[in-house]
Amino acid sequence: MPDTASDTRHKALQVNLDPRLYGTFAEIGAGQEVVRWFFRVGGAAGTVAKSMSAYDMTVSDAIYGTSDRYVSRRRLEAMLSHEFELNVQRLDEKRGDHTCFFSFADTVAARSFRGGSECHGWMGITFQHAPRAPQSRILMHVRMLDVDNAAQAEALGMVGVNLVYGAGFLHQDPEALIRSLLDQLSVGRIEIDMIEFSGAAFASVDNRLMSLKLVQLGLSGAAMFGPHGEVLQPSEVFYKKAILVERGAFHPVTKVHMDMLHRASEKFRALPEVRDSNTPVIEMMEITMRNLLSDQSAVDPQDFLDRADMLAACGLPVLVSDFSEYYRLGAFLSRMTHEPIGITLGVTRLLNLFDESFYTSLPGGILESFGRLLKNHLKLFVYPAIDKQTGGIRSVDNVEVPAGHQKLYDYLNERGSFVGLEPSDASLLSIYPKDVLEALTKRDPKWKTMVPPEVIEAIESKKLFMHD
């Protein structure tokens, strides 16, 4: 392997000068921005078997098959498979003994002269990590954040070169590959909110950890995976759906967590704007980086996977985010859909929203935070809690907010921003995750009385949170 390169020109040149790497570039939607680099630095004849752009939809369909959406994962996968198979069919006999074939593709929607549309795209590479090896693949979804078309095209070209270089020289270390994707770029120009590794070179890779790495490294504010461990692209999952999300540490998942979601789901689905429109609803759990850190100085990968396995047992998708402030979560979800959004939380966390110390970075302080959070009629579904001092029940209707904010609270409550929930069983309010975790670590069987049956099965079969 050559010395690790960090600048785009050096990376493209090293790919061109490596006699193993040979393949095809197929780019739709923003010019041939990636392959342009390989032609520009020289030596492209050693790397580029073919370069093409099928801009016309009819032409694209004739080559890759029809597709409902041209900027989509489905279209990208069709491009990668078609071009890689052609490479092997046409070139394997001649040079397969010493060549690692690849196909790179992207399909993107950059800023047009009309403006207004989301600037995003799908990008990927199918490749052999050794001559005649089974194929491996990296897929990712990017958002271009520059304000003009030329800058977006430039950024797209750079991240594409980084991906080709990473597949060729960094596939043994997927985390290093992810870190390299924004070399010579910044999170202010490109966001990568989904990445998936598959195939022979990545047999031991857990894509849930790769999703976490995107958020840890700041490549994206959030990443998502499904109950079977599959990575998901948020905007495709949330497209034209109403969203109900519960935020928590889930350390571990308790009966309270599930009751909160179930009670909120009943009221959310009964909202006229959801019920009368027959809008599909997606329910999910969200874990923030702050919740994953907890008392630790760094995220423990095994602890993260334990939580993910528990939520998977409950059949729920998981969003991992760096949105410690609720208004940032609300803004993210509002960008994903125009349908109703609900966030379920406990009454204690609702009180935290009225703590002005959280909003020192906002010019408008607490008023701006609620304005951002509750825009587009977002609602908070609030679960009660026991007042440890009095033994009474604190709910959305009787909770006392910090001095000076009662009128703000009353106004928001009266306008319907807060929806009170009732537990299905009052005894659930005595369950606290810390007590469950303590019982688990001590192998005290009473933890089984505090978590759902599916979580018991997951914990026992996979020994979750029981690592010595």
Protein backbone atom coordinates (compact mmCIF):
# COMPACT_ATOMS: atom_id res chain seq x y z
CA MET A 1 0.00 0.00 0.00
CA PRO A 2 1.34 3.50 -0.82
CA ASP A 3 1.76 6.22 1.76
CA THR A 4 -1.65 7.44 2.84
CA ALA A 5 -2.72 10.47 0.81
CA SER A 6 -5.01 13.21 2.06
CA ASP A 7 -5.36 15.64 -0.84
CA THR A 8 -7.63 14.89 -3.77
CA ARG A 9 -5.00 15.20 -6.50
CA HIS A 10 -2.58 12.85 -4.74
CA LYS A 11 -5.33 10.30 -4.13
CA ALA A 12 -6.47 10.30 -7.76
CA LEU A 13 -2.91 9.95 -8.98
CA GLN A 14 -2.16 7.03 -6.66
CA VAL A 15 -5.24 5.23 -7.92
CA ASN A 16 -4.18 5.84 -11.52
CA LEU A 17 -0.66 4.57 -10.87
CA ASP A 18 -1.75 1.39 -9.09
CA PRO A 19 -1.74 -1.42 -11.71
CA ARG A 20 -4.38 -3.43 -9.81
CA LEU A 21 -7.29 -0.98 -10.01
CA TYR A 22 -9.32 -0.78 -13.21
CA GLY A 23 -12.95 0.05 -13.75
CA THR A 24 -15.88 2.15 -14.88
CA PHE A 25 -17.32 5.50 -13.82
CA ALA A 26 -21.03 6.15 -14.39
CA GLU A 27 -22.34 9.51 -13.16
CA ILE A 28 -25.79 11.03 -13.51
CA GLY A 29 -27.01 14.45 -12.46
CA ALA A 30 -24.01 16.69 -11.81
CA GLY A 31 -21.58 16.06 -14.64
CA GLN A 32 -18.67 13.68 -14.50
CA GLU A 33 -17.21 15.38 -11.46
CA VAL A 34 -15.48 12.33 -9.98
CA VAL A 35 -13.87 10.86 -13.08
CA ARG A 36 -12.75 14.35 -14.06
CA TRP A 37 -10.13 14.18 -11.31
CA PHE A 38 -8.63 10.96 -12.67
CA PHE A 39 -8.37 12.43 -16.16
CA ARG A 40 -6.97 15.70 -14.80
CA VAL A 41 -4.02 14.25 -12.84
CA GLY A 42 -2.75 12.04 -15.66
CA GLY A 43 -2.33 8.31 -16.06
CA ALA A 44 -6.08 7.70 -16.34
CA ALA A 45 -5.56 5.02 -18.99
CA GLY A 46 -4.31 2.78 -16.19
CA THR A 47 -7.57 3.12 -14.25
CA VAL A 48 -10.52 4.14 -16.43
CA ALA A 49 -12.02 1.46 -18.65
CA LYS A 50 -15.08 3.59 -19.42
CA SER A 51 -16.69 6.84 -18.33
CA MET A 52 -20.30 7.70 -19.07
CA SER A 53 -23.28 9.87 -18.13
CA ALA A 54 -26.79 8.79 -19.12
CA TYR A 55 -28.64 12.07 -18.50
CA ASP A 56 -31.72 11.36 -20.60
CA MET A 57 -34.20 9.34 -18.54
CA THR A 58 -35.20 7.17 -21.48
CA VAL A 59 -31.57 6.38 -22.21
CA SER A 60 -30.90 5.71 -18.53
CA ASP A 61 -33.90 3.37 -18.33
CA ALA A 62 -32.74 1.50 -21.43
CA ILE A 63 -29.38 0.81 -19.79
CA TYR A 64 -30.26 0.28 -16.13
CA GLY A 65 -33.98 -0.51 -16.12
CA THR A 66 -36.91 1.63 -15.07
CA SER A 67 -37.05 3.32 -11.68
CA ASP A 68 -39.66 5.39 -9.83
CA ARG A 69 -37.00 7.79 -8.59
CA TYR A 70 -33.78 8.49 -10.43
CA VAL A 71 -31.93 9.84 -7.42
CA SER A 72 -32.38 6.75 -5.30
CA ARG A 73 -30.62 3.76 -3.84
CA ARG A 74 -32.40 1.48 -6.28
CA ARG A 75 -31.03 3.39 -9.27
CA LEU A 76 -27.52 3.46 -7.81
CA GLU A 77 -27.50 -0.29 -7.19
CA ALA A 78 -28.69 -0.95 -10.75
CA MET A 79 -25.87 1.22 -12.13
CA LEU A 80 -23.21 -0.46 -10.00
CA SER A 81 -24.34 -4.00 -10.82
CA HIS A 82 -24.68 -3.38 -14.56
CA GLU A 83 -21.28 -1.71 -14.96
CA PHE A 84 -19.40 -4.16 -12.75
CA GLU A 85 -20.83 -7.17 -14.57
CA LEU A 86 -19.85 -5.66 -17.93
CA ASN A 87 -16.29 -5.14 -16.71
CA VAL A 88 -15.96 -8.78 -15.68
CA GLN A 89 -17.62 -10.10 -18.83
CA ARG A 90 -15.45 -8.04 -21.16
CA LEU A 91 -12.13 -7.92 -19.36
CA ASP A 92 -11.74 -10.85 -16.98
CA GLU A 93 -10.23 -13.25 -19.51
CA LYS A 94 -7.67 -10.69 -20.63
CA ARG A 95 -6.58 -9.21 -17.30
CA GLY A 96 -8.51 -10.88 -14.47
CA ASP A 97 -5.41 -12.60 -13.03
CA HIS A 98 -3.85 -9.31 -11.94
CA THR A 99 -6.71 -6.79 -11.85
CA CYS A 100 -9.17 -5.69 -9.17
CA PHE A 101 -12.19 -4.55 -11.18
CA PHE A 102 -14.50 -1.83 -9.87
CA SER A 103 -17.51 0.19 -10.88
CA PHE A 104 -18.12 3.61 -9.37
CA ALA A 105 -21.48 5.32 -9.75
CA ASP A 106 -23.40 8.31 -8.49
CA THR A 107 -26.85 9.73 -9.16
CA VAL A 108 -27.37 13.19 -7.71
CA ALA A 109 -29.59 16.24 -7.74
CA ALA A 110 -27.38 19.31 -7.41
CA ARG A 111 -28.67 22.86 -7.23
CA SER A 112 -30.40 23.83 -10.47
CA PHE A 113 -30.76 27.29 -11.94
CA ARG A 114 -34.34 27.28 -10.60
CA GLY A 115 -33.17 26.45 -7.05
CA GLY A 116 -35.48 25.20 -4.33
CA SER A 117 -34.93 21.44 -4.49
CA GLU A 118 -32.97 19.34 -2.00
CA CYS A 119 -29.36 18.91 -3.09
CA HIS A 120 -28.47 15.30 -2.41
CA GLY A 121 -27.41 12.10 -4.06
CA TRP A 122 -26.43 8.44 -3.85
CA MET A 123 -22.85 7.35 -4.43
CA GLY A 124 -21.19 3.95 -4.31
CA ILE A 125 -18.54 1.58 -5.52
CA THR A 126 -18.55 -2.15 -6.23
CA PHE A 127 -15.05 -3.61 -6.26
CA GLN A 128 -12.79 -6.61 -5.83
CA HIS A 129 -10.34 -6.37 -2.93
CA ALA A 130 -8.10 -8.92 -4.69
CA PRO A 131 -7.98 -10.25 -8.27
CA ARG A 132 -10.97 -12.49 -8.97
CA ALA A 133 -12.23 -12.01 -5.40
CA PRO A 134 -16.00 -11.91 -4.76
CA GLN A 135 -17.34 -8.39 -5.06
CA SER A 136 -17.66 -5.96 -2.17
CA ARG A 137 -19.69 -2.78 -2.08
CA ILE A 138 -19.88 0.57 -0.31
CA LEU A 139 -23.05 2.64 -0.64
CA MET A 140 -23.63 6.08 0.82
CA HIS A 141 -26.07 8.97 0.71
CA VAL A 142 -24.72 12.52 0.64
CA ARG A 143 -26.19 15.99 1.03
CA MET A 144 -24.46 18.87 -0.72
CA LEU A 145 -24.58 21.97 1.48
CA ASP A 146 -22.82 24.58 -0.65
CA VAL A 147 -25.07 27.34 -1.95
CA ASP A 148 -24.09 27.27 -5.63
CA ASN A 149 -23.91 24.53 -8.24
CA ALA A 150 -20.20 24.87 -9.02
CA ALA A 151 -19.18 24.45 -5.38
CA GLN A 152 -21.49 21.46 -4.98
CA ALA A 153 -19.99 19.81 -8.05
CA GLU A 154 -16.48 20.41 -6.72
CA ALA A 155 -17.35 18.88 -3.33
CA LEU A 156 -19.04 15.93 -4.99
CA GLY A 157 -15.93 15.24 -7.06
CA MET A 158 -13.72 15.30 -3.98
CA VAL A 159 -15.83 12.97 -1.88
CA GLY A 160 -16.09 10.60 -4.85
CA VAL A 161 -12.30 10.44 -5.22
CA ASN A 162 -12.05 9.83 -1.47
CA LEU A 163 -14.46 6.90 -1.82
CA VAL A 164 -12.59 5.31 -4.73
CA TYR A 165 -9.27 5.74 -2.91
CA GLY A 166 -10.74 4.33 0.29
CA ALA A 167 -12.07 1.23 -1.48
CA GLY A 168 -8.69 0.65 -3.10
CA PHE A 169 -6.39 1.32 -0.15
CA LEU A 170 -8.36 1.51 3.11
CA HIS A 171 -10.93 -1.27 2.88
CA GLN A 172 -9.10 -3.25 5.59
CA ASP A 173 -9.97 -0.47 8.06
CA PRO A 174 -13.55 0.76 7.48
CA GLU A 175 -13.32 3.35 10.27
CA ALA A 176 -10.24 4.90 8.66
CA LEU A 177 -12.08 4.83 5.34
CA ILE A 178 -15.01 6.74 6.86
CA ARG A 179 -12.66 9.31 8.42
CA SER A 180 -11.05 9.88 5.02
CA LEU A 181 -14.28 10.63 3.16
CA LEU A 182 -14.21 14.34 3.96
CA ASP A 183 -10.48 14.87 3.36
CA GLN A 184 -10.09 18.42 2.00
CA LEU A 185 -13.77 19.02 2.75
CA SER A 186 -15.78 19.98 5.80
CA VAL A 187 -19.13 19.09 7.32
CA GLY A 188 -20.28 22.52 6.16
CA ARG A 189 -20.00 21.34 2.55
CA ILE A 190 -20.92 17.64 2.53
CA GLU A 191 -23.00 15.58 4.91
CA ILE A 192 -22.99 11.77 4.76
CA ASP A 193 -26.07 10.49 6.57
CA MET A 194 -25.94 6.86 5.47
CA ILE A 195 -23.16 4.39 4.67
CA GLU A 196 -23.33 0.64 4.16
CA PHE A 197 -20.51 -1.87 3.75
CA SER A 198 -21.21 -5.32 2.29
CA GLY A 199 -19.48 -8.20 0.56
CA ALA A 200 -16.32 -10.23 0.96
CA ALA A 201 -14.03 -7.42 2.15
CA PHE A 202 -16.44 -6.41 4.92
CA ALA A 203 -17.69 -9.75 6.27
CA SER A 204 -16.93 -8.74 9.86
CA VAL A 205 -18.29 -5.18 9.66
CA ASP A 206 -21.34 -4.26 11.77
CA ASN A 207 -23.04 -1.44 9.88
CA ARG A 208 -24.70 -0.18 13.06
CA LEU A 209 -21.26 0.75 14.37
CA MET A 210 -20.50 2.42 11.06
CA SER A 211 -23.69 4.48 11.42
CA LEU A 212 -22.56 5.49 14.88
CA LYS A 213 -19.16 6.46 13.50
CA LEU A 214 -20.76 8.88 11.01
CA VAL A 215 -22.28 10.80 13.92
CA GLN A 216 -19.20 10.53 16.16
CA LEU A 217 -16.99 12.01 13.47
CA GLY A 218 -19.42 14.78 12.64
CA LEU A 219 -20.04 13.60 9.08
CA SER A 220 -23.75 13.70 9.85
CA GLY A 221 -26.01 14.96 12.60
CA ALA A 222 -27.92 11.69 12.59
CA ALA A 223 -27.83 8.16 11.22
CA MET A 224 -30.45 5.44 11.25
CA PHE A 225 -30.71 1.66 11.21
CA GLY A 226 -33.58 -0.80 11.24
CA PRO A 227 -34.60 -3.60 13.61
CA HIS A 228 -32.63 -6.15 11.60
CA GLY A 229 -29.42 -4.12 11.72
CA GLU A 230 -29.85 -2.75 8.21
CA VAL A 231 -28.76 0.85 7.65
CA LEU A 232 -31.50 3.24 6.57
CA GLN A 233 -31.44 6.61 4.84
CA PRO A 234 -33.65 8.92 6.95
CA SER A 235 -35.24 11.01 4.20
CA GLU A 236 -36.32 7.89 2.31
CA VAL A 237 -37.73 6.25 5.45
CA PHE A 238 -39.61 9.38 6.56
CA TYR A 239 -40.84 10.45 3.11
CA LYS A 240 -44.55 11.37 3.33
CA LYS A 241 -44.92 9.73 6.75
CA ALA A 242 -46.03 10.99 10.13
CA ILE A 243 -43.28 10.48 12.70
CA LEU A 244 -43.47 9.53 16.37
CA VAL A 245 -40.15 9.35 18.19
CA GLU A 246 -39.16 8.57 21.75
CA ARG A 247 -35.82 9.84 23.02
CA GLY A 248 -34.00 7.96 25.72
CA ALA A 249 -30.82 6.30 26.94
CA PHE A 250 -32.48 2.83 26.87
CA HIS A 251 -29.93 1.54 29.34
CA PRO A 252 -31.81 -0.78 29.32
CA VAL A 253 -35.26 -0.69 27.69
CA THR A 254 -37.91 -1.00 30.41
CA LYS A 255 -41.66 -1.50 30.54
CA VAL A 256 -41.93 2.26 31.06
CA HIS A 257 -40.21 3.03 27.74
CA MET A 258 -42.59 0.78 25.84
CA ASP A 259 -45.65 2.01 27.69
CA MET A 260 -44.69 5.60 26.89
CA LEU A 261 -44.48 4.79 23.21
CA HIS A 262 -47.72 2.79 23.16
CA ARG A 263 -49.72 5.44 25.01
CA ALA A 264 -48.29 8.19 22.80
CA SER A 265 -49.02 6.16 19.67
CA GLU A 266 -52.69 5.87 20.58
CA LYS A 267 -53.08 9.61 20.97
CA PHE A 268 -50.86 10.50 18.02
CA ARG A 269 -52.77 8.26 15.64
CA ALA A 270 -56.05 9.71 16.93
CA LEU A 271 -55.07 13.24 15.90
CA PRO A 272 -57.45 14.38 13.12
CA GLU A 273 -54.54 15.34 10.85
CA VAL A 274 -53.20 11.77 11.13
CA ARG A 275 -56.43 9.78 11.40
CA ASP A 276 -58.42 11.53 8.68
CA SER A 277 -55.64 11.57 6.10
CA ASN A 278 -54.68 7.90 6.55
CA THR A 279 -51.08 9.08 6.72
CA PRO A 280 -48.63 6.20 7.32
CA VAL A 281 -46.96 6.47 10.73
CA ILE A 282 -43.43 5.43 11.60
CA GLU A 283 -42.49 4.94 15.25
CA MET A 284 -38.88 4.86 16.37
CA MET A 285 -36.46 5.34 19.24
CA GLU A 286 -33.72 7.95 19.30
CA ILE A 287 -30.43 7.85 21.20
CA THR A 288 -28.24 10.93 21.42
CA MET A 289 -24.48 10.90 21.68
CA ARG A 290 -24.90 12.49 25.12
CA ASN A 291 -27.04 9.54 26.25
CA LEU A 292 -24.50 7.07 24.89
CA LEU A 293 -21.66 8.78 26.75
CA SER A 294 -23.54 9.00 30.04
CA ASP A 295 -20.81 8.71 32.70
CA GLN A 296 -18.22 7.48 30.20
CA SER A 297 -15.52 9.54 28.50
CA ALA A 298 -16.00 7.66 25.22
CA VAL A 299 -18.74 5.58 23.65
CA ASP A 300 -18.38 1.87 24.43
CA PRO A 301 -19.15 0.02 21.15
CA GLN A 302 -20.39 -3.09 22.94
CA ASP A 303 -22.68 -1.06 25.18
CA PHE A 304 -24.09 0.64 22.08
CA LEU A 305 -24.70 -2.69 20.35
CA ASP A 306 -26.39 -4.06 23.47
CA ARG A 307 -28.85 -1.18 23.41
CA ALA A 308 -29.36 -1.61 19.67
CA ASP A 309 -30.05 -5.34 20.09
CA MET A 310 -32.67 -4.62 22.75
CA LEU A 311 -34.47 -2.08 20.57
CA ALA A 312 -34.27 -4.51 17.66
CA ALA A 313 -36.01 -7.11 19.83
CA CYS A 314 -38.83 -4.59 20.21
CA GLY A 315 -39.06 -4.30 16.42
CA LEU A 316 -38.13 -0.63 16.33
CA PRO A 317 -35.83 1.39 14.08
CA VAL A 318 -33.22 3.50 15.85
CA LEU A 319 -32.02 7.02 15.13
CA VAL A 320 -28.57 7.91 16.54
CA SER A 321 -28.10 11.67 16.68
CA ASP A 322 -25.94 14.49 17.92
CA PHE A 323 -29.03 16.61 18.60
CA SER A 324 -28.73 17.11 22.33
CA GLU A 325 -31.25 19.98 22.13
CA TYR A 326 -34.82 18.99 21.37
CA TYR A 327 -35.31 21.88 18.95
CA ARG A 328 -32.51 20.47 16.77
CA LEU A 329 -34.26 17.10 16.68
CA GLY A 330 -37.50 18.85 15.74
CA ALA A 331 -35.79 20.79 12.95
CA PHE A 332 -34.24 17.61 11.57
CA LEU A 333 -37.55 15.75 11.50
CA SER A 334 -39.35 18.72 9.96
CA ARG A 335 -36.86 18.67 7.11
CA MET A 336 -37.67 15.01 6.47
CA THR A 337 -41.47 15.26 6.20
CA HIS A 338 -44.37 17.69 5.95
CA GLU A 339 -46.62 15.29 7.87
CA PRO A 340 -47.37 15.50 11.64
CA ILE A 341 -44.53 14.90 14.10
CA GLY A 342 -44.73 13.82 17.72
CA ILE A 343 -42.03 13.46 20.36
CA THR A 344 -42.75 11.49 23.52
CA LEU A 345 -40.87 12.28 26.71
CA GLY A 346 -41.21 12.16 30.48
CA VAL A 347 -42.46 15.10 32.50
CA THR A 348 -38.99 15.57 34.03
CA ARG A 349 -37.49 16.09 30.58
CA LEU A 350 -40.30 18.51 29.76
CA LEU A 351 -39.22 20.58 32.75
CA ASN A 352 -35.66 20.59 31.43
CA LEU A 353 -36.93 22.35 28.32
CA PHE A 354 -37.70 25.35 30.53
CA ASP A 355 -34.12 25.60 31.82
CA GLU A 356 -32.67 28.72 30.16
CA SER A 357 -29.09 27.53 30.69
CA PHE A 358 -29.56 25.20 27.72
CA TYR A 359 -30.16 28.09 25.33
CA THR A 360 -27.30 30.50 25.88
CA SER A 361 -26.16 29.98 22.28
CA LEU A 362 -29.52 31.11 20.87
CA PRO A 363 -30.01 34.86 20.42
CA GLY A 364 -33.70 34.45 21.27
CA GLY A 365 -33.07 32.13 24.22
CA ILE A 366 -35.90 29.94 25.46
CA LEU A 367 -38.51 31.63 23.24
CA GLU A 368 -36.47 30.87 20.13
CA SER A 369 -35.97 27.27 21.23
CA PHE A 370 -39.70 26.64 21.59
CA GLY A 371 -40.39 28.49 18.35
CA ARG A 372 -38.01 26.16 16.54
CA LEU A 373 -39.21 23.04 18.32
CA LEU A 374 -42.95 23.50 17.96
CA LYS A 375 -43.12 24.91 14.43
CA ASN A 376 -45.25 22.99 11.94
CA HIS A 377 -47.54 21.93 14.81
CA LEU A 378 -45.09 19.44 16.33
CA LYS A 379 -46.52 18.05 19.58
CA LEU A 380 -44.89 16.73 22.76
CA PHE A 381 -46.52 13.67 24.33
CA VAL A 382 -45.72 13.82 28.04
CA TYR A 383 -45.63 10.79 30.35
CA PRO A 384 -46.12 11.36 34.12
CA ALA A 385 -43.64 10.63 36.89
CA ILE A 386 -43.61 10.16 40.64
CA ASP A 387 -42.53 13.20 42.65
CA LYS A 388 -39.88 11.63 44.89
CA GLN A 389 -40.30 14.34 47.52
CA THR A 390 -44.09 14.19 47.93
CA GLY A 391 -44.91 10.78 46.50
CA GLY A 392 -47.53 12.39 44.27
CA ILE A 393 -47.84 12.14 40.49
CA ARG A 394 -46.44 14.95 38.37
CA SER A 395 -48.24 15.31 35.05
CA VAL A 396 -48.57 17.82 32.27
CA ASP A 397 -51.52 19.38 34.11
CA ASN A 398 -49.97 19.99 37.54
CA VAL A 399 -46.22 20.27 37.07
CA GLU A 400 -44.54 23.43 38.37
CA VAL A 401 -42.11 25.02 35.93
CA PRO A 402 -39.18 27.29 36.88
CA ALA A 403 -40.11 30.76 38.12
CA GLY A 404 -40.98 33.23 35.40
CA HIS A 405 -42.01 30.64 32.82
CA GLN A 406 -45.46 29.61 34.08
CA LYS A 407 -47.31 31.84 31.62
CA LEU A 408 -45.23 30.49 28.72
CA TYR A 409 -45.96 26.96 29.88
CA ASP A 410 -49.69 27.65 30.22
CA TYR A 411 -49.84 29.21 26.76
CA LEU A 412 -48.09 26.25 25.10
CA ASN A 413 -50.22 23.78 27.03
CA GLU A 414 -53.46 25.55 26.11
CA ARG A 415 -52.56 25.69 22.41
CA GLY A 416 -52.19 21.90 22.43
CA SER A 417 -48.42 21.64 22.14
CA PHE A 418 -48.31 19.30 25.17
CA VAL A 419 -50.42 16.15 25.21
CA GLY A 420 -50.68 14.39 28.56
CA LEU A 421 -50.37 10.61 28.75
CA GLU A 422 -51.56 8.16 31.37
CA PRO A 423 -49.69 4.94 32.19
CA SER A 424 -51.48 1.68 31.47
CA ASP A 425 -50.55 0.64 35.03
CA ALA A 426 -49.62 3.13 37.77
CA SER A 427 -47.06 0.69 39.19
CA LEU A 428 -44.90 1.26 36.09
CA LEU A 429 -43.98 4.70 37.43
CA SER A 430 -41.85 3.01 40.11
CA ILE A 431 -39.53 1.47 37.50
CA TYR A 432 -36.22 3.27 36.93
CA PRO A 433 -33.58 2.16 34.37
CA LYS A 434 -30.77 2.54 36.92
CA ASP A 435 -32.44 0.01 39.20
CA VAL A 436 -32.89 -2.41 36.29
CA LEU A 437 -29.26 -2.08 35.22
CA GLU A 438 -28.03 -2.54 38.78
CA ALA A 439 -30.10 -5.71 39.16
CA LEU A 440 -28.79 -6.96 35.82
CA THR A 441 -25.15 -6.47 36.71
CA LYS A 442 -25.70 -8.18 40.08
CA ARG A 443 -27.53 -11.05 38.37
CA ASP A 444 -30.55 -10.27 40.54
CA PRO A 445 -33.59 -11.85 38.79
CA LYS A 446 -35.92 -9.01 39.82
CA TRP A 447 -34.84 -7.15 36.65
CA LYS A 448 -37.13 -9.50 34.71
CA THR A 449 -40.17 -7.92 36.35
CA MET A 450 -39.24 -4.49 34.98
CA VAL A 451 -38.63 -5.12 31.27
CA PRO A 452 -40.86 -6.41 28.42
CA PRO A 453 -40.80 -10.16 27.60
CA GLU A 454 -39.02 -9.62 24.27
CA VAL A 455 -36.27 -7.71 26.05
CA ILE A 456 -35.87 -10.50 28.61
CA GLU A 457 -35.36 -12.96 25.77
CA ALA A 458 -32.83 -10.70 24.03
CA ILE A 459 -30.84 -10.05 27.21
CA GLU A 460 -30.70 -13.72 28.18
CA SER A 461 -29.96 -15.12 24.72
CA LYS A 462 -27.28 -12.55 23.88
CA LYS A 463 -26.01 -11.85 27.43
CA LEU A 464 -26.63 -8.14 26.99
CA PHE A 465 -25.15 -5.90 29.73
CA MET A 466 -23.66 -8.99 31.36
CA HIS A 467 -20.14 -8.70 29.96
CA ASP A 468 -17.42 -9.48 32.50
